[in-house]
Amino acid sequence: MTEERITETRTPSGDTHTTHTIVNDDGRRSGGGAWVIILLLVVLAVVGIWFFTQQSGAEVAKDNAIAGAAEQVGNAAGQVGDAAQNAGEAIEGAANGN
């Protein structure tokens, strides 16, 4: 509630002084807007953490796939080397008359 108070004061010499005072008794009212903003910020933080966690998981999966492919290429190269060695030994045996 807002109240305006007007006070008149007269001095002994006859001068008049007027004072205006406004009194506001409403107090501070807090709406739900602050809670909505806080809740929205918390939700955004959770979504951001989830998003970055998913991105990190995708990076790990990609790295694992590349490592697996590199291992398979290494195994295939080893098999080619073994086959070449066997072929060389067979050619050497045929040249020696075995």
PDB file of N, CA and C in Angstrom:
ATOM      1  N   MET A   1       0.837  -1.168   0.000  1.00  0.00           N
ATOM      2  CA  MET A   1       0.000   0.000   0.000  1.00  0.00           C
ATOM      3  C   MET A   1       0.888   1.238   0.000  1.00  0.00           C
ATOM      4  N   THR A   2       0.548   2.210  -0.825  1.00  0.00           N
ATOM      5  CA  THR A   2       1.302   3.447  -0.898  1.00  0.00           C
ATOM      6  C   THR A   2       0.466   4.559  -0.270  1.00  0.00           C
ATOM      7  N   GLU A   3       1.126   5.346   0.545  1.00  0.00           N
ATOM      8  CA  GLU A   3       0.424   6.429   1.255  1.00  0.00           C
ATOM      9  C   GLU A   3       1.250   7.700   1.115  1.00  0.00           C
ATOM     10  N   GLU A   4       0.560   8.794   0.829  1.00  0.00           N
ATOM     11  CA  GLU A   4       1.235  10.092   0.742  1.00  0.00           C
ATOM     12  C   GLU A   4       0.847  10.918   1.971  1.00  0.00           C
ATOM     13  N   ARG A   5       1.877  11.430   2.648  1.00  0.00           N
ATOM     14  CA  ARG A   5       1.634  12.250   3.840  1.00  0.00           C
ATOM     15  C   ARG A   5       2.145  13.655   3.569  1.00  0.00           C
ATOM     16  N   ILE A   6       1.284  14.611   3.842  1.00  0.00           N
ATOM     17  CA  ILE A   6       1.654  16.026   3.672  1.00  0.00           C
ATOM     18  C   ILE A   6       1.632  16.673   5.050  1.00  0.00           C
ATOM     19  N   THR A   7       2.758  17.288   5.416  1.00  0.00           N
ATOM     20  CA  THR A   7       2.869  17.919   6.728  1.00  0.00           C
ATOM     21  C   THR A   7       3.148  19.408   6.531  1.00  0.00           C
ATOM     22  N   GLU A   8       2.331  20.228   7.189  1.00  0.00           N
ATOM     23  CA  GLU A   8       2.555  21.685   7.161  1.00  0.00           C
ATOM     24  C   GLU A   8       3.080  22.132   8.512  1.00  0.00           C
ATOM     25  N   THR A   9       4.123  22.942   8.475  1.00  0.00           N
ATOM     26  CA  THR A   9       4.709  23.469   9.703  1.00  0.00           C
ATOM     27  C   THR A   9       4.759  24.989   9.597  1.00  0.00           C
ATOM     28  N   ARG A  10       4.305  25.655  10.691  1.00  0.00           N
ATOM     29  CA  ARG A  10       4.365  27.130  10.722  1.00  0.00           C
ATOM     30  C   ARG A  10       5.394  27.571  11.741  1.00  0.00           C
ATOM     31  N   THR A  11       6.197  28.455  11.331  1.00  0.00           N
ATOM     32  CA  THR A  11       7.197  29.011  12.243  1.00  0.00           C
ATOM     33  C   THR A  11       6.568  30.149  13.031  1.00  0.00           C
ATOM     34  N   PRO A  12       7.190  30.579  14.155  1.00  0.00           N
ATOM     35  CA  PRO A  12       6.631  31.687  14.930  1.00  0.00           C
ATOM     36  C   PRO A  12       6.509  32.981  14.132  1.00  0.00           C
ATOM     37  N   SER A  13       7.364  33.124  13.112  1.00  0.00           N
ATOM     38  CA  SER A  13       7.282  34.360  12.326  1.00  0.00           C
ATOM     39  C   SER A  13       6.161  34.309  11.301  1.00  0.00           C
ATOM     40  N   GLY A  14       5.492  33.140  11.146  1.00  0.00           N
ATOM     41  CA  GLY A  14       4.344  33.041  10.248  1.00  0.00           C
ATOM     42  C   GLY A  14       4.655  32.358   8.933  1.00  0.00           C
ATOM     43  N   ASP A  15       5.904  31.922   8.757  1.00  0.00           N
ATOM     44  CA  ASP A  15       6.247  31.210   7.514  1.00  0.00           C
ATOM     45  C   ASP A  15       5.668  29.796   7.559  1.00  0.00           C
ATOM     46  N   THR A  16       5.259  29.288   6.404  1.00  0.00           N
ATOM     47  CA  THR A  16       4.696  27.939   6.304  1.00  0.00           C
ATOM     48  C   THR A  16       5.641  27.065   5.473  1.00  0.00           C
ATOM     49  N   HIS A  17       5.949  25.877   6.006  1.00  0.00           N
ATOM     50  CA  HIS A  17       6.777  24.893   5.289  1.00  0.00           C
ATOM     51  C   HIS A  17       5.936  23.636   5.101  1.00  0.00           C
ATOM     52  N   THR A  18       5.940  23.138   3.876  1.00  0.00           N
ATOM     53  CA  THR A  18       5.168  21.925   3.562  1.00  0.00           C
ATOM     54  C   THR A  18       6.139  20.797   3.211  1.00  0.00           C
ATOM     55  N   THR A  19       5.910  19.620   3.799  1.00  0.00           N
ATOM     56  CA  THR A  19       6.745  18.444   3.539  1.00  0.00           C
ATOM     57  C   THR A  19       5.865  17.340   2.983  1.00  0.00           C
ATOM     58  N   HIS A  20       6.307  16.746   1.865  1.00  0.00           N
ATOM     59  CA  HIS A  20       5.594  15.616   1.257  1.00  0.00           C
ATOM     60  C   HIS A  20       6.389  14.351   1.551  1.00  0.00           C
ATOM     61  N   THR A  21       5.741  13.330   2.091  1.00  0.00           N
ATOM     62  CA  THR A  21       6.379  12.041   2.379  1.00  0.00           C
ATOM     63  C   THR A  21       5.529  10.942   1.762  1.00  0.00           C
ATOM     64  N   ILE A  22       6.167  10.059   1.015  1.00  0.00           N
ATOM     65  CA  ILE A  22       5.458   8.927   0.415  1.00  0.00           C
ATOM     66  C   ILE A  22       5.949   7.668   1.113  1.00  0.00           C
ATOM     67  N   VAL A  23       5.012   6.899   1.655  1.00  0.00           N
ATOM     68  CA  VAL A  23       5.326   5.673   2.378  1.00  0.00           C
ATOM     69  C   VAL A  23       4.803   4.502   1.558  1.00  0.00           C
ATOM     70  N   ASN A  24       5.705   3.546   1.266  1.00  0.00           N
ATOM     71  CA  ASN A  24       5.336   2.365   0.489  1.00  0.00           C
ATOM     72  C   ASN A  24       5.497   1.155   1.405  1.00  0.00           C
ATOM     73  N   ASP A  25       4.392   0.507   1.773  1.00  0.00           N
ATOM     74  CA  ASP A  25       4.404  -0.624   2.693  1.00  0.00           C
ATOM     75  C   ASP A  25       4.258  -1.973   1.974  1.00  0.00           C
ATOM     76  N   ASP A  26       4.367  -2.003   0.650  1.00  0.00           N
ATOM     77  CA  ASP A  26       4.125  -3.239  -0.090  1.00  0.00           C
ATOM     78  C   ASP A  26       5.187  -4.304   0.143  1.00  0.00           C
ATOM     79  N   GLY A  27       6.398  -3.927   0.377  1.00  0.00           N
ATOM     80  CA  GLY A  27       7.454  -4.926   0.512  1.00  0.00           C
ATOM     81  C   GLY A  27       7.791  -5.508  -0.843  1.00  0.00           C
ATOM     82  N   ARG A  28       8.802  -6.340  -0.876  1.00  0.00           N
ATOM     83  CA  ARG A  28       9.238  -6.910  -2.146  1.00  0.00           C
ATOM     84  C   ARG A  28       8.454  -8.178  -2.427  1.00  0.00           C
ATOM     85  N   ARG A  29       7.907  -8.246  -3.601  1.00  0.00           N
ATOM     86  CA  ARG A  29       7.191  -9.441  -4.029  1.00  0.00           C
ATOM     87  C   ARG A  29       8.064 -10.176  -5.032  1.00  0.00           C
ATOM     88  N   SER A  30       8.206 -11.454  -4.828  1.00  0.00           N
ATOM     89  CA  SER A  30       9.014 -12.262  -5.721  1.00  0.00           C
ATOM     90  C   SER A  30       8.097 -13.168  -6.520  1.00  0.00           C
ATOM     91  N   GLY A  31       8.193 -13.050  -7.827  1.00  0.00           N
ATOM     92  CA  GLY A  31       7.380 -13.906  -8.684  1.00  0.00           C
ATOM     93  C   GLY A  31       8.108 -15.202  -8.969  1.00  0.00           C
ATOM     94  N   GLY A  32       7.544 -16.019  -9.816  1.00  0.00           N
ATOM     95  CA  GLY A  32       8.158 -17.288 -10.177  1.00  0.00           C
ATOM     96  C   GLY A  32       9.161 -17.159 -11.302  1.00  0.00           C
ATOM     97  N   GLY A  33       9.364 -15.969 -11.816  1.00  0.00           N
ATOM     98  CA  GLY A  33      10.271 -15.762 -12.941  1.00  0.00           C
ATOM     99  C   GLY A  33      11.700 -16.165 -12.642  1.00  0.00           C
ATOM    100  N   ALA A  34      12.159 -15.877 -11.446  1.00  0.00           N
ATOM    101  CA  ALA A  34      13.537 -16.225 -11.082  1.00  0.00           C
ATOM    102  C   ALA A  34      13.708 -17.737 -11.056  1.00  0.00           C
ATOM    103  N   TRP A  35      12.721 -18.449 -10.536  1.00  0.00           N
ATOM    104  CA  TRP A  35      12.811 -19.913 -10.484  1.00  0.00           C
ATOM    105  C   TRP A  35      12.779 -20.513 -11.884  1.00  0.00           C
ATOM    106  N   VAL A  36      12.001 -19.924 -12.765  1.00  0.00           N
ATOM    107  CA  VAL A  36      11.940 -20.423 -14.141  1.00  0.00           C
ATOM    108  C   VAL A  36      13.298 -20.260 -14.818  1.00  0.00           C
ATOM    109  N   ILE A  37      13.941 -19.140 -14.620  1.00  0.00           N
ATOM    110  CA  ILE A  37      15.257 -18.898 -15.220  1.00  0.00           C
ATOM    111  C   ILE A  37      16.289 -19.868 -14.655  1.00  0.00           C
ATOM    112  N   ILE A  38      16.282 -20.087 -13.353  1.00  0.00           N
ATOM    113  CA  ILE A  38      17.225 -21.026 -12.731  1.00  0.00           C
ATOM    114  C   ILE A  38      16.993 -22.438 -13.268  1.00  0.00           C
ATOM    115  N   LEU A  39      15.745 -22.856 -13.361  1.00  0.00           N
ATOM    116  CA  LEU A  39      15.418 -24.175 -13.877  1.00  0.00           C
ATOM    117  C   LEU A  39      15.868 -24.319 -15.334  1.00  0.00           C
ATOM    118  N   LEU A  40      15.657 -23.290 -16.121  1.00  0.00           N
ATOM    119  CA  LEU A  40      16.076 -23.303 -17.521  1.00  0.00           C
ATOM    120  C   LEU A  40      17.594 -23.435 -17.637  1.00  0.00           C
ATOM    121  N   LEU A  41      18.341 -22.723 -16.804  1.00  0.00           N
ATOM    122  CA  LEU A  41      19.801 -22.816 -16.823  1.00  0.00           C
ATOM    123  C   LEU A  41      20.274 -24.213 -16.430  1.00  0.00           C
ATOM    124  N   VAL A  42      19.625 -24.820 -15.453  1.00  0.00           N
ATOM    125  CA  VAL A  42      19.999 -26.182 -15.044  1.00  0.00           C
ATOM    126  C   VAL A  42      19.735 -27.166 -16.181  1.00  0.00           C
ATOM    127  N   VAL A  43      18.593 -27.039 -16.836  1.00  0.00           N
ATOM    128  CA  VAL A  43      18.262 -27.930 -17.951  1.00  0.00           C
ATOM    129  C   VAL A  43      19.273 -27.754 -19.079  1.00  0.00           C
ATOM    130  N   LEU A  44      19.631 -26.529 -19.392  1.00  0.00           N
ATOM    131  CA  LEU A  44      20.627 -26.280 -20.442  1.00  0.00           C
ATOM    132  C   LEU A  44      21.982 -26.878 -20.076  1.00  0.00           C
ATOM    133  N   ALA A  45      22.363 -26.791 -18.815  1.00  0.00           N
ATOM    134  CA  ALA A  45      23.633 -27.376 -18.380  1.00  0.00           C
ATOM    135  C   ALA A  45      23.609 -28.892 -18.547  1.00  0.00           C
ATOM    136  N   VAL A  46      22.518 -29.533 -18.171  1.00  0.00           N
ATOM    137  CA  VAL A  46      22.400 -30.986 -18.307  1.00  0.00           C
ATOM    138  C   VAL A  46      22.448 -31.396 -19.775  1.00  0.00           C
ATOM    139  N   VAL A  47      21.748 -30.671 -20.629  1.00  0.00           N
ATOM    140  CA  VAL A  47      21.756 -30.980 -22.064  1.00  0.00           C
ATOM    141  C   VAL A  47      23.167 -30.796 -22.632  1.00  0.00           C
ATOM    142  N   GLY A  48      23.864 -29.750 -22.220  1.00  0.00           N
ATOM    143  CA  GLY A  48      25.228 -29.525 -22.691  1.00  0.00           C
ATOM    144  C   GLY A  48      26.174 -30.626 -22.265  1.00  0.00           C
ATOM    145  N   ILE A  49      26.066 -31.062 -21.022  1.00  0.00           N
ATOM    146  CA  ILE A  49      26.919 -32.155 -20.533  1.00  0.00           C
ATOM    147  C   ILE A  49      26.610 -33.439 -21.299  1.00  0.00           C
ATOM    148  N   TRP A  50      25.341 -33.733 -21.524  1.00  0.00           N
ATOM    149  CA  TRP A  50      24.965 -34.931 -22.269  1.00  0.00           C
ATOM    150  C   TRP A  50      25.517 -34.869 -23.698  1.00  0.00           C
ATOM    151  N   PHE A  51      25.399 -33.709 -24.341  1.00  0.00           N
ATOM    152  CA  PHE A  51      25.871 -33.559 -25.722  1.00  0.00           C
ATOM    153  C   PHE A  51      27.375 -33.809 -25.814  1.00  0.00           C
ATOM    154  N   PHE A  52      28.149 -33.184 -24.913  1.00  0.00           N
ATOM    155  CA  PHE A  52      29.595 -33.359 -24.965  1.00  0.00           C
ATOM    156  C   PHE A  52      30.003 -34.784 -24.592  1.00  0.00           C
ATOM    157  N   THR A  53      29.248 -35.443 -23.743  1.00  0.00           N
ATOM    158  CA  THR A  53      29.526 -36.835 -23.410  1.00  0.00           C
ATOM    159  C   THR A  53      29.301 -37.717 -24.633  1.00  0.00           C
ATOM    160  N   GLN A  54      28.240 -37.454 -25.363  1.00  0.00           N
ATOM    161  CA  GLN A  54      27.960 -38.224 -26.572  1.00  0.00           C
ATOM    162  C   GLN A  54      29.034 -38.004 -27.625  1.00  0.00           C
ATOM    163  N   GLN A  55      29.498 -36.785 -27.772  1.00  0.00           N
ATOM    164  CA  GLN A  55      30.561 -36.486 -28.731  1.00  0.00           C
ATOM    165  C   GLN A  55      31.832 -37.216 -28.357  1.00  0.00           C
ATOM    166  N   SER A  56      32.139 -37.256 -27.081  1.00  0.00           N
ATOM    167  CA  SER A  56      33.335 -37.936 -26.606  1.00  0.00           C
ATOM    168  C   SER A  56      33.238 -39.428 -26.888  1.00  0.00           C
ATOM    169  N   GLY A  57      32.084 -40.017 -26.674  1.00  0.00           N
ATOM    170  CA  GLY A  57      31.871 -41.431 -26.956  1.00  0.00           C
ATOM    171  C   GLY A  57      32.034 -41.740 -28.438  1.00  0.00           C
ATOM    172  N   ALA A  58      31.576 -40.847 -29.296  1.00  0.00           N
ATOM    173  CA  ALA A  58      31.725 -41.035 -30.734  1.00  0.00           C
ATOM    174  C   ALA A  58      33.194 -40.986 -31.130  1.00  0.00           C
ATOM    175  N   GLU A  59      33.951 -40.110 -30.510  1.00  0.00           N
ATOM    176  CA  GLU A  59      35.385 -40.024 -30.795  1.00  0.00           C
ATOM    177  C   GLU A  59      36.093 -41.303 -30.385  1.00  0.00           C
ATOM    178  N   VAL A  60      35.745 -41.854 -29.240  1.00  0.00           N
ATOM    179  CA  VAL A  60      36.355 -43.100 -28.769  1.00  0.00           C
ATOM    180  C   VAL A  60      36.008 -44.239 -29.723  1.00  0.00           C
ATOM    181  N   ALA A  61      34.769 -44.322 -30.157  1.00  0.00           N
ATOM    182  CA  ALA A  61      34.349 -45.372 -31.085  1.00  0.00           C
ATOM    183  C   ALA A  61      35.104 -45.252 -32.403  1.00  0.00           C
ATOM    184  N   LYS A  62      35.272 -44.025 -32.885  1.00  0.00           N
ATOM    185  CA  LYS A  62      36.009 -43.808 -34.134  1.00  0.00           C
ATOM    186  C   LYS A  62      37.466 -44.232 -33.968  1.00  0.00           C
ATOM    187  N   ASP A  63      38.083 -43.846 -32.863  1.00  0.00           N
ATOM    188  CA  ASP A  63      39.474 -44.220 -32.608  1.00  0.00           C
ATOM    189  C   ASP A  63      39.630 -45.737 -32.518  1.00  0.00           C
ATOM    190  N   ASN A  64      38.687 -46.411 -31.865  1.00  0.00           N
ATOM    191  CA  ASN A  64      38.735 -47.872 -31.764  1.00  0.00           C
ATOM    192  C   ASN A  64      38.580 -48.528 -33.134  1.00  0.00           C
ATOM    193  N   ALA A  65      37.705 -47.974 -33.975  1.00  0.00           N
ATOM    194  CA  ALA A  65      37.517 -48.528 -35.319  1.00  0.00           C
ATOM    195  C   ALA A  65      38.787 -48.373 -36.148  1.00  0.00           C
ATOM    196  N   ILE A  66      39.441 -47.241 -36.039  1.00  0.00           N
ATOM    197  CA  ILE A  66      40.693 -47.012 -36.782  1.00  0.00           C
ATOM    198  C   ILE A  66      41.779 -47.956 -36.285  1.00  0.00           C
ATOM    199  N   ALA A  67      41.865 -48.137 -34.977  1.00  0.00           N
ATOM    200  CA  ALA A  67      42.868 -49.053 -34.424  1.00  0.00           C
ATOM    201  C   ALA A  67      42.609 -50.481 -34.885  1.00  0.00           C
ATOM    202  N   GLY A  68      41.345 -50.904 -34.919  1.00  0.00           N
ATOM    203  CA  GLY A  68      40.999 -52.244 -35.388  1.00  0.00           C
ATOM    204  C   GLY A  68      41.351 -52.433 -36.860  1.00  0.00           C
ATOM    205  N   ALA A  69      41.070 -51.426 -37.681  1.00  0.00           N
ATOM    206  CA  ALA A  69      41.401 -51.506 -39.109  1.00  0.00           C
ATOM    207  C   ALA A  69      42.912 -51.573 -39.302  1.00  0.00           C
ATOM    208  N   ALA A  70      43.662 -50.790 -38.534  1.00  0.00           N
ATOM    209  CA  ALA A  70      45.119 -50.816 -38.639  1.00  0.00           C
ATOM    210  C   ALA A  70      45.666 -52.184 -38.235  1.00  0.00           C
ATOM    211  N   GLU A  71      45.078 -52.803 -37.233  1.00  0.00           N
ATOM    212  CA  GLU A  71      45.510 -54.137 -36.805  1.00  0.00           C
ATOM    213  C   GLU A  71      45.248 -55.168 -37.899  1.00  0.00           C
ATOM    214  N   GLN A  72      44.073 -55.065 -38.559  1.00  0.00           N
ATOM    215  CA  GLN A  72      43.751 -55.988 -39.640  1.00  0.00           C
ATOM    216  C   GLN A  72      44.706 -55.816 -40.821  1.00  0.00           C
ATOM    217  N   VAL A  73      45.059 -54.568 -41.135  1.00  0.00           N
ATOM    218  CA  VAL A  73      46.012 -54.314 -42.219  1.00  0.00           C
ATOM    219  C   VAL A  73      47.369 -54.902 -41.848  1.00  0.00           C
ATOM    220  N   GLY A  74      47.786 -54.752 -40.602  1.00  0.00           N
ATOM    221  CA  GLY A  74      49.054 -55.325 -40.149  1.00  0.00           C
ATOM    222  C   GLY A  74      49.051 -56.845 -40.244  1.00  0.00           C
ATOM    223  N   ASN A  75      47.944 -57.468 -39.849  1.00  0.00           N
ATOM    224  CA  ASN A  75      47.832 -58.927 -39.952  1.00  0.00           C
ATOM    225  C   ASN A  75      47.887 -59.384 -41.406  1.00  0.00           C
ATOM    226  N   ALA A  76      47.189 -58.656 -42.286  1.00  0.00           N
ATOM    227  CA  ALA A  76      47.202 -59.003 -43.715  1.00  0.00           C
ATOM    228  C   ALA A  76      48.600 -58.850 -44.290  1.00  0.00           C
ATOM    229  N   ALA A  77      49.315 -57.814 -43.900  1.00  0.00           N
ATOM    230  CA  ALA A  77      50.687 -57.625 -44.385  1.00  0.00           C
ATOM    231  C   ALA A  77      51.577 -58.761 -43.903  1.00  0.00           C
ATOM    232  N   GLY A  78      51.363 -59.200 -42.677  1.00  0.00           N
ATOM    233  CA  GLY A  78      52.137 -60.336 -42.164  1.00  0.00           C
ATOM    234  C   GLY A  78      51.856 -61.603 -42.953  1.00  0.00           C
ATOM    235  N   GLN A  79      50.594 -61.815 -43.312  1.00  0.00           N
ATOM    236  CA  GLN A  79      50.231 -62.996 -44.094  1.00  0.00           C
ATOM    237  C   GLN A  79      50.845 -62.941 -45.493  1.00  0.00           C
ATOM    238  N   VAL A  80      50.860 -61.754 -46.100  1.00  0.00           N
ATOM    239  CA  VAL A  80      51.479 -61.587 -47.419  1.00  0.00           C
ATOM    240  C   VAL A  80      52.969 -61.878 -47.324  1.00  0.00           C
ATOM    241  N   GLY A  81      53.590 -61.386 -46.249  1.00  0.00           N
ATOM    242  CA  GLY A  81      55.023 -61.658 -46.060  1.00  0.00           C
ATOM    243  C   GLY A  81      55.296 -63.139 -45.897  1.00  0.00           C
ATOM    244  N   ASP A  82      54.461 -63.833 -45.142  1.00  0.00           N
ATOM    245  CA  ASP A  82      54.621 -65.274 -44.957  1.00  0.00           C
ATOM    246  C   ASP A  82      54.439 -66.012 -46.286  1.00  0.00           C
ATOM    247  N   ALA A  83      53.422 -65.600 -47.053  1.00  0.00           N
ATOM    248  CA  ALA A  83      53.174 -66.242 -48.351  1.00  0.00           C
ATOM    249  C   ALA A  83      54.353 -65.999 -49.288  1.00  0.00           C
ATOM    250  N   ALA A  84      54.918 -64.804 -49.270  1.00  0.00           N
ATOM    251  CA  ALA A  84      56.069 -64.507 -50.132  1.00  0.00           C
ATOM    252  C   ALA A  84      57.270 -65.361 -49.722  1.00  0.00           C
ATOM    253  N   GLN A  85      57.459 -65.524 -48.440  1.00  0.00           N
ATOM    254  CA  GLN A  85      58.579 -66.344 -47.957  1.00  0.00           C
ATOM    255  C   GLN A  85      58.376 -67.806 -48.368  1.00  0.00           C
ATOM    256  N   ASN A  86      57.164 -68.305 -48.232  1.00  0.00           N
ATOM    257  CA  ASN A  86      56.872 -69.678 -48.642  1.00  0.00           C
ATOM    258  C   ASN A  86      57.083 -69.856 -50.138  1.00  0.00           C
ATOM    259  N   ALA A  87      56.647 -68.870 -50.921  1.00  0.00           N
ATOM    260  CA  ALA A  87      56.832 -68.944 -52.374  1.00  0.00           C
ATOM    261  C   ALA A  87      58.318 -68.925 -52.716  1.00  0.00           C
ATOM    262  N   GLY A  88      59.080 -68.096 -52.011  1.00  0.00           N
ATOM    263  CA  GLY A  88      60.531 -68.046 -52.251  1.00  0.00           C
ATOM    264  C   GLY A  88      61.191 -69.369 -51.915  1.00  0.00           C
ATOM    265  N   GLU A  89      60.770 -69.977 -50.823  1.00  0.00           N
ATOM    266  CA  GLU A  89      61.325 -71.277 -50.434  1.00  0.00           C
ATOM    267  C   GLU A  89      60.950 -72.347 -51.452  1.00  0.00           C
ATOM    268  N   ALA A  90      59.735 -72.298 -51.993  1.00  0.00           N
ATOM    269  CA  ALA A  90      59.288 -73.268 -53.002  1.00  0.00           C
ATOM    270  C   ALA A  90      60.087 -73.104 -54.287  1.00  0.00           C
ATOM    271  N   ILE A  91      60.333 -71.857 -54.667  1.00  0.00           N
ATOM    272  CA  ILE A  91      61.119 -71.602 -55.877  1.00  0.00           C
ATOM    273  C   ILE A  91      62.545 -72.074 -55.675  1.00  0.00           C
ATOM    274  N   GLU A  92      63.088 -71.833 -54.524  1.00  0.00           N
ATOM    275  CA  GLU A  92      64.467 -72.275 -54.209  1.00  0.00           C
ATOM    276  C   GLU A  92      64.544 -73.801 -54.217  1.00  0.00           C
ATOM    277  N   GLY A  93      63.538 -74.459 -53.672  1.00  0.00           N
ATOM    278  CA  GLY A  93      63.499 -75.926 -53.662  1.00  0.00           C
ATOM    279  C   GLY A  93      63.378 -76.480 -55.063  1.00  0.00           C
ATOM    280  N   ALA A  94      62.595 -75.834 -55.921  1.00  0.00           N
ATOM    281  CA  ALA A  94      62.434 -76.289 -57.305  1.00  0.00           C
ATOM    282  C   ALA A  94      63.714 -76.075 -58.094  1.00  0.00           C
ATOM    283  N   ALA A  95      64.428 -75.012 -57.787  1.00  0.00           N
ATOM    284  CA  ALA A  95      65.685 -74.712 -58.495  1.00  0.00           C
ATOM    285  C   ALA A  95      66.756 -75.700 -58.082  1.00  0.00           C
ATOM    286  N   ASN A  96      66.726 -76.176 -56.869  1.00  0.00           N
ATOM    287  CA  ASN A  96      67.717 -77.148 -56.368  1.00  0.00           C
ATOM    288  C   ASN A  96      67.337 -78.578 -56.761  1.00  0.00           C
ATOM    289  N   GLY A  97      66.209 -78.751 -57.360  1.00  0.00           N
ATOM    290  CA  GLY A  97      65.757 -80.057 -57.812  1.00  0.00           C
ATOM    291  C   GLY A  97      64.995 -80.838 -56.774  1.00  0.00           C
ATOM    292  N   ASN A  98      64.519 -80.209 -55.754  1.00  0.00           N
ATOM    293  CA  ASN A  98      63.758 -80.912 -54.715  1.00  0.00           C
ATOM    294  C   ASN A  98      62.343 -81.079 -55.094  1.00  0.00           C
TER     295      ASN A  98
END
